[in-house]
Protein backbone atom coordinates (compact mmCIF):
# COMPACT_ATOMS: atom_id res chain seq x y z
CA MET A 1 56.03 -13.02 78.86
CA THR A 2 56.99 -16.48 77.62
CA ASP A 3 60.64 -15.72 78.43
CA LEU A 4 59.66 -15.73 82.11
CA LEU A 5 60.17 -19.50 82.21
CA THR A 6 62.75 -21.64 80.46
CA PRO A 7 61.62 -24.33 78.01
CA ARG A 8 62.42 -27.00 80.65
CA GLN A 9 60.41 -25.13 83.28
CA LEU A 10 57.48 -24.90 80.88
CA GLU A 11 57.76 -28.64 80.24
CA ILE A 12 57.72 -29.32 83.97
CA LEU A 13 54.81 -26.94 84.50
CA GLU A 14 52.83 -28.67 81.76
CA LEU A 15 53.31 -31.98 83.56
CA VAL A 16 52.30 -30.35 86.84
CA SER A 17 49.13 -29.15 85.06
CA LEU A 18 48.42 -32.77 84.15
CA GLY A 19 48.50 -33.69 87.85
CA LYS A 20 51.87 -35.46 87.79
CA THR A 21 53.84 -35.65 91.03
CA ASN A 22 57.39 -34.37 91.22
CA ALA A 23 58.62 -37.97 91.41
CA ALA A 24 56.64 -38.91 88.28
CA ILE A 25 57.93 -35.83 86.44
CA ALA A 26 61.50 -36.70 87.41
CA ALA A 27 61.12 -40.27 86.13
CA ARG A 28 59.50 -39.14 82.88
CA LEU A 29 62.14 -36.50 82.12
CA GLY A 30 65.15 -38.43 83.44
CA LEU A 31 65.82 -35.89 86.19
CA SER A 32 66.37 -36.26 89.91
CA LYS A 33 63.40 -35.65 92.18
CA PHE A 34 65.47 -32.97 93.93
CA GLY A 35 65.97 -31.22 90.57
CA VAL A 36 62.24 -31.22 89.87
CA ASP A 37 61.49 -30.07 93.43
CA HIS A 38 63.85 -27.13 92.89
CA ALA A 39 62.39 -26.37 89.45
CA VAL A 40 58.84 -26.29 90.82
CA ILE A 41 59.92 -23.89 93.59
CA THR A 42 61.62 -21.68 90.99
CA ILE A 43 58.51 -21.76 88.78
CA ARG A 44 56.31 -20.83 91.74
CA ASN A 45 58.61 -17.95 92.64
CA LYS A 46 58.74 -16.64 89.08
CA LEU A 47 54.95 -16.78 88.79
CA GLU A 48 54.47 -15.44 92.33
CA ALA A 49 52.30 -18.46 93.08
CA ARG A 50 51.58 -19.81 96.56
CA ASP A 51 51.35 -23.47 95.49
CA ARG A 52 51.42 -25.77 92.45
CA ALA A 53 47.76 -25.24 91.56
CA HIS A 54 48.15 -21.48 91.74
CA ALA A 55 51.23 -21.70 89.49
CA VAL A 56 49.22 -23.59 86.88
CA ARG A 57 46.38 -21.10 87.10
CA ARG A 58 48.76 -18.14 86.72
CA ALA A 59 50.44 -19.84 83.77
CA PHE A 60 47.08 -20.24 82.01
CA GLU A 61 46.15 -16.63 82.81
CA GLN A 62 49.47 -15.38 81.41
CA GLY A 63 49.22 -17.53 78.29
CA LEU A 64 52.23 -19.66 79.20
CA LEU A 65 50.16 -22.83 78.91
CA PRO A 66 47.52 -22.94 76.20
CA VAL A 67 43.99 -23.78 77.30
CA GLY A 68 43.27 -27.42 76.61
CA LYS A 69 46.94 -28.41 76.84
CA GLY A 70 46.17 -30.47 79.94
CA GLN A 71 43.84 -32.79 78.02
CA ARG A 72 46.50 -35.43 77.27
């Protein structure tokens, strides 16, 4: 199941789980905001999630993000 998302997508999803905006994620990872916007849409589609929060929840349920990872 972990092959559902790429390592970069998992990194972005982890930052989403920490409440970071797409603009903040882009700045932190040295990406364009457009690139992060597209990645989040791709993540949502792969996880069949209706929004960012649902994507994070599905990732936790599927074991893609370990519980407690969002504590940083």
